[in-house]
Amino acid sequence: MSMNPRLTRFSGRSSAQGAATEIILDTSGAAMTGGSSRVTKVEIVRCKIRRVSGTAANFTPMINDATGAASGSIDQVLLGNMTMVANLFDPVIDNAFAYTNTVGHLFLVCQPNAGADNVFDYEVFLKVWL
């Protein structure tokens, strides 16, 4: 593992989001590690989310280190506050260190309170130790 982390940006638009829909943050891609899949140390530096459209009135984002993890479980790495859909989720994040799962993934879950038709824009910055 390198002593110097690489700042990495994950961003995009995710549609058809329901309460348990996951967005994979993949730190094991070829551009990152030469294609090897492994547990990776990360620091969550920033996480911005905005609901673009859909049924939900609010959402409560979280990042997990296991697929299908429940809010409040040991696999939860970061839990945000409930955010009204008109607002940008962009909290101050300090010392949010974690390890990915065995193939280098973290899972962003927006957790809208209603519907499976929600569209979210997201931008997550991670420091990744390779």
C-alpha atoms as a PDB file:
ATOM      1  CA  MET A   1       0.000   0.000   0.000  1.00  0.00           C
ATOM      2  CA  SER A   2       1.333   3.410  -0.972  1.00  0.00           C
ATOM      3  CA  MET A   3       1.904   5.967   1.782  1.00  0.00           C
ATOM      4  CA  ASN A   4       0.484   8.713  -0.442  1.00  0.00           C
ATOM      5  CA  PRO A   5      -3.224   8.511  -1.224  1.00  0.00           C
ATOM      6  CA  ARG A   6      -4.671   9.446  -4.605  1.00  0.00           C
ATOM      7  CA  LEU A   7      -7.621  11.856  -4.598  1.00  0.00           C
ATOM      8  CA  THR A   8     -10.296  10.277  -6.767  1.00  0.00           C
ATOM      9  CA  ARG A   9     -13.622  11.694  -7.954  1.00  0.00           C
ATOM     10  CA  PHE A  10     -16.702   9.557  -8.549  1.00  0.00           C
ATOM     11  CA  SER A  11     -19.622  11.381 -10.155  1.00  0.00           C
ATOM     12  CA  GLY A  12     -22.663  10.857 -12.291  1.00  0.00           C
ATOM     13  CA  ARG A  13     -26.432  10.710 -12.512  1.00  0.00           C
ATOM     14  CA  SER A  14     -28.287   7.699 -11.213  1.00  0.00           C
ATOM     15  CA  SER A  15     -31.906   7.070 -12.202  1.00  0.00           C
ATOM     16  CA  ALA A  16     -34.644   4.707 -10.978  1.00  0.00           C
ATOM     17  CA  GLN A  17     -33.454   5.152  -7.405  1.00  0.00           C
ATOM     18  CA  GLY A  18     -35.483   3.489  -4.664  1.00  0.00           C
ATOM     19  CA  ALA A  19     -34.727   3.275  -0.965  1.00  0.00           C
ATOM     20  CA  ALA A  20     -32.178   0.446  -1.298  1.00  0.00           C
ATOM     21  CA  THR A  21     -30.654   1.203  -4.726  1.00  0.00           C
ATOM     22  CA  GLU A  22     -26.852   1.219  -4.591  1.00  0.00           C
ATOM     23  CA  ILE A  23     -24.305   3.173  -6.604  1.00  0.00           C
ATOM     24  CA  ILE A  24     -20.969   1.337  -6.682  1.00  0.00           C
ATOM     25  CA  LEU A  25     -17.870   3.423  -5.975  1.00  0.00           C
ATOM     26  CA  ASP A  26     -15.198   1.179  -7.515  1.00  0.00           C
ATOM     27  CA  THR A  27     -11.633   1.845  -6.334  1.00  0.00           C
ATOM     28  CA  SER A  28     -10.305  -1.293  -8.046  1.00  0.00           C
ATOM     29  CA  GLY A  29     -10.551  -0.152 -11.686  1.00  0.00           C
ATOM     30  CA  ALA A  30      -7.635  -0.557 -14.054  1.00  0.00           C
ATOM     31  CA  ALA A  31      -6.893   3.172 -13.957  1.00  0.00           C
ATOM     32  CA  MET A  32      -6.567   3.006 -10.181  1.00  0.00           C
ATOM     33  CA  THR A  33      -4.748  -0.231  -9.394  1.00  0.00           C
ATOM     34  CA  GLY A  34      -3.747  -1.808 -12.687  1.00  0.00           C
ATOM     35  CA  GLY A  35      -6.871  -3.947 -12.537  1.00  0.00           C
ATOM     36  CA  SER A  36      -6.289  -5.786  -9.272  1.00  0.00           C
ATOM     37  CA  SER A  37      -9.287  -6.203  -6.961  1.00  0.00           C
ATOM     38  CA  ARG A  38      -8.540  -5.971  -3.255  1.00  0.00           C
ATOM     39  CA  VAL A  39      -9.487  -4.336   0.010  1.00  0.00           C
ATOM     40  CA  THR A  40      -8.502  -0.675  -0.204  1.00  0.00           C
ATOM     41  CA  LYS A  41      -8.106   1.950   2.524  1.00  0.00           C
ATOM     42  CA  VAL A  42     -10.065   5.138   1.769  1.00  0.00           C
ATOM     43  CA  GLU A  43     -10.948   8.455   3.344  1.00  0.00           C
ATOM     44  CA  ILE A  44     -14.263  10.035   2.360  1.00  0.00           C
ATOM     45  CA  VAL A  45     -13.380  13.669   1.733  1.00  0.00           C
ATOM     46  CA  ARG A  46     -16.600  15.043   0.247  1.00  0.00           C
ATOM     47  CA  CYS A  47     -20.028  13.724  -0.715  1.00  0.00           C
ATOM     48  CA  LYS A  48     -22.481  15.907  -2.630  1.00  0.00           C
ATOM     49  CA  ILE A  49     -25.922  14.684  -3.703  1.00  0.00           C
ATOM     50  CA  ARG A  50     -28.900  16.455  -5.250  1.00  0.00           C
ATOM     51  CA  ARG A  51     -32.238  14.899  -6.145  1.00  0.00           C
ATOM     52  CA  VAL A  52     -33.072  15.966  -9.717  1.00  0.00           C
ATOM     53  CA  SER A  53     -36.561  14.494 -10.084  1.00  0.00           C
ATOM     54  CA  GLY A  54     -38.897  11.849  -8.709  1.00  0.00           C
ATOM     55  CA  THR A  55     -41.484  11.151  -6.042  1.00  0.00           C
ATOM     56  CA  ALA A  56     -39.430  11.539  -2.856  1.00  0.00           C
ATOM     57  CA  ALA A  57     -39.832  14.547  -0.558  1.00  0.00           C
ATOM     58  CA  ASN A  58     -36.521  13.864   1.217  1.00  0.00           C
ATOM     59  CA  PHE A  59     -33.558  11.479   1.263  1.00  0.00           C
ATOM     60  CA  THR A  60     -31.011  10.251   3.821  1.00  0.00           C
ATOM     61  CA  PRO A  61     -27.754   9.247   2.092  1.00  0.00           C
ATOM     62  CA  MET A  62     -25.293   6.706   3.391  1.00  0.00           C
ATOM     63  CA  ILE A  63     -22.100   4.995   2.265  1.00  0.00           C
ATOM     64  CA  ASN A  64     -21.519   1.338   3.165  1.00  0.00           C
ATOM     65  CA  ASP A  65     -18.640  -1.089   2.800  1.00  0.00           C
ATOM     66  CA  ALA A  66     -20.932  -4.045   2.032  1.00  0.00           C
ATOM     67  CA  THR A  67     -23.705  -4.472  -0.495  1.00  0.00           C
ATOM     68  CA  GLY A  68     -27.196  -4.581   0.992  1.00  0.00           C
ATOM     69  CA  ALA A  69     -26.078  -3.113   4.332  1.00  0.00           C
ATOM     70  CA  ALA A  70     -28.792  -1.679   6.551  1.00  0.00           C
ATOM     71  CA  SER A  71     -28.725   1.764   8.089  1.00  0.00           C
ATOM     72  CA  GLY A  72     -27.200   1.458  11.554  1.00  0.00           C
ATOM     73  CA  SER A  73     -25.275  -1.728  10.726  1.00  0.00           C
ATOM     74  CA  ILE A  74     -21.559  -2.247  11.285  1.00  0.00           C
ATOM     75  CA  ASP A  75     -21.093  -1.965   7.496  1.00  0.00           C
ATOM     76  CA  GLN A  76     -22.274   1.650   7.466  1.00  0.00           C
ATOM     77  CA  VAL A  77     -19.329   3.995   6.885  1.00  0.00           C
ATOM     78  CA  LEU A  78     -21.135   7.344   6.627  1.00  0.00           C
ATOM     79  CA  LEU A  79     -24.752   8.323   7.368  1.00  0.00           C
ATOM     80  CA  GLY A  80     -26.069  11.700   6.311  1.00  0.00           C
ATOM     81  CA  ASN A  81     -28.907  13.741   7.739  1.00  0.00           C
ATOM     82  CA  MET A  82     -32.341  13.747   6.160  1.00  0.00           C
ATOM     83  CA  THR A  83     -32.206  16.258   3.302  1.00  0.00           C
ATOM     84  CA  MET A  84     -35.197  17.899   1.630  1.00  0.00           C
ATOM     85  CA  VAL A  85     -35.198  17.329  -2.148  1.00  0.00           C
ATOM     86  CA  ALA A  86     -34.802  21.054  -2.921  1.00  0.00           C
ATOM     87  CA  ASN A  87     -31.496  21.139  -0.989  1.00  0.00           C
ATOM     88  CA  LEU A  88     -27.994  19.978  -1.815  1.00  0.00           C
ATOM     89  CA  PHE A  89     -26.580  17.313   0.529  1.00  0.00           C
ATOM     90  CA  ASP A  90     -23.023  18.560   1.125  1.00  0.00           C
ATOM     91  CA  PRO A  91     -21.963  18.019   4.758  1.00  0.00           C
ATOM     92  CA  VAL A  92     -18.641  18.734   6.398  1.00  0.00           C
ATOM     93  CA  ILE A  93     -16.848  15.376   6.568  1.00  0.00           C
ATOM     94  CA  ASP A  94     -13.932  14.916   8.935  1.00  0.00           C
ATOM     95  CA  ASN A  95     -11.846  11.775   9.509  1.00  0.00           C
ATOM     96  CA  ALA A  96     -14.176   9.352   7.692  1.00  0.00           C
ATOM     97  CA  PHE A  97     -11.754   6.483   7.119  1.00  0.00           C
ATOM     98  CA  ALA A  98     -12.859   3.056   5.912  1.00  0.00           C
ATOM     99  CA  TYR A  99     -11.845  -0.050   4.057  1.00  0.00           C
ATOM    100  CA  THR A 100     -13.654  -1.208   0.945  1.00  0.00           C
ATOM    101  CA  ASN A 101     -15.031  -4.704   0.508  1.00  0.00           C
ATOM    102  CA  THR A 102     -12.760  -7.456  -0.863  1.00  0.00           C
ATOM    103  CA  VAL A 103     -13.090  -6.252  -4.476  1.00  0.00           C
ATOM    104  CA  GLY A 104     -12.501  -2.545  -3.766  1.00  0.00           C
ATOM    105  CA  HIS A 105     -16.105  -1.309  -3.652  1.00  0.00           C
ATOM    106  CA  LEU A 106     -18.004   1.118  -1.456  1.00  0.00           C
ATOM    107  CA  PHE A 107     -21.756   1.561  -1.915  1.00  0.00           C
ATOM    108  CA  LEU A 108     -23.529   4.930  -2.026  1.00  0.00           C
ATOM    109  CA  VAL A 109     -27.235   4.672  -1.150  1.00  0.00           C
ATOM    110  CA  CYS A 110     -29.348   7.837  -1.504  1.00  0.00           C
ATOM    111  CA  GLN A 111     -32.343   6.379   0.433  1.00  0.00           C
ATOM    112  CA  PRO A 112     -35.255   8.455  -0.896  1.00  0.00           C
ATOM    113  CA  ASN A 113     -38.321   8.285   1.357  1.00  0.00           C
ATOM    114  CA  ALA A 114     -40.743   7.421  -1.477  1.00  0.00           C
ATOM    115  CA  GLY A 115     -40.884   5.952  -4.966  1.00  0.00           C
ATOM    116  CA  ALA A 116     -38.432   4.135  -7.220  1.00  0.00           C
ATOM    117  CA  ASP A 117     -38.434   6.873  -9.882  1.00  0.00           C
ATOM    118  CA  ASN A 118     -35.959   9.242  -8.253  1.00  0.00           C
ATOM    119  CA  VAL A 119     -32.992  10.670 -10.152  1.00  0.00           C
ATOM    120  CA  PHE A 120     -29.900  11.835  -8.257  1.00  0.00           C
ATOM    121  CA  ASP A 121     -26.734  13.642  -9.270  1.00  0.00           C
ATOM    122  CA  TYR A 122     -23.779  12.714  -7.065  1.00  0.00           C
ATOM    123  CA  GLU A 123     -20.132  13.614  -6.617  1.00  0.00           C
ATOM    124  CA  VAL A 124     -17.941  11.785  -4.096  1.00  0.00           C
ATOM    125  CA  PHE A 125     -14.261  12.492  -3.475  1.00  0.00           C
ATOM    126  CA  LEU A 126     -12.188   9.726  -1.877  1.00  0.00           C
ATOM    127  CA  LYS A 127      -8.546   9.601  -0.905  1.00  0.00           C
ATOM    128  CA  VAL A 128      -7.510   6.115  -1.992  1.00  0.00           C
ATOM    129  CA  TRP A 129      -4.416   4.321  -0.742  1.00  0.00           C
ATOM    130  CA  LEU A 130      -3.212   1.980  -3.474  1.00  0.00           C
END
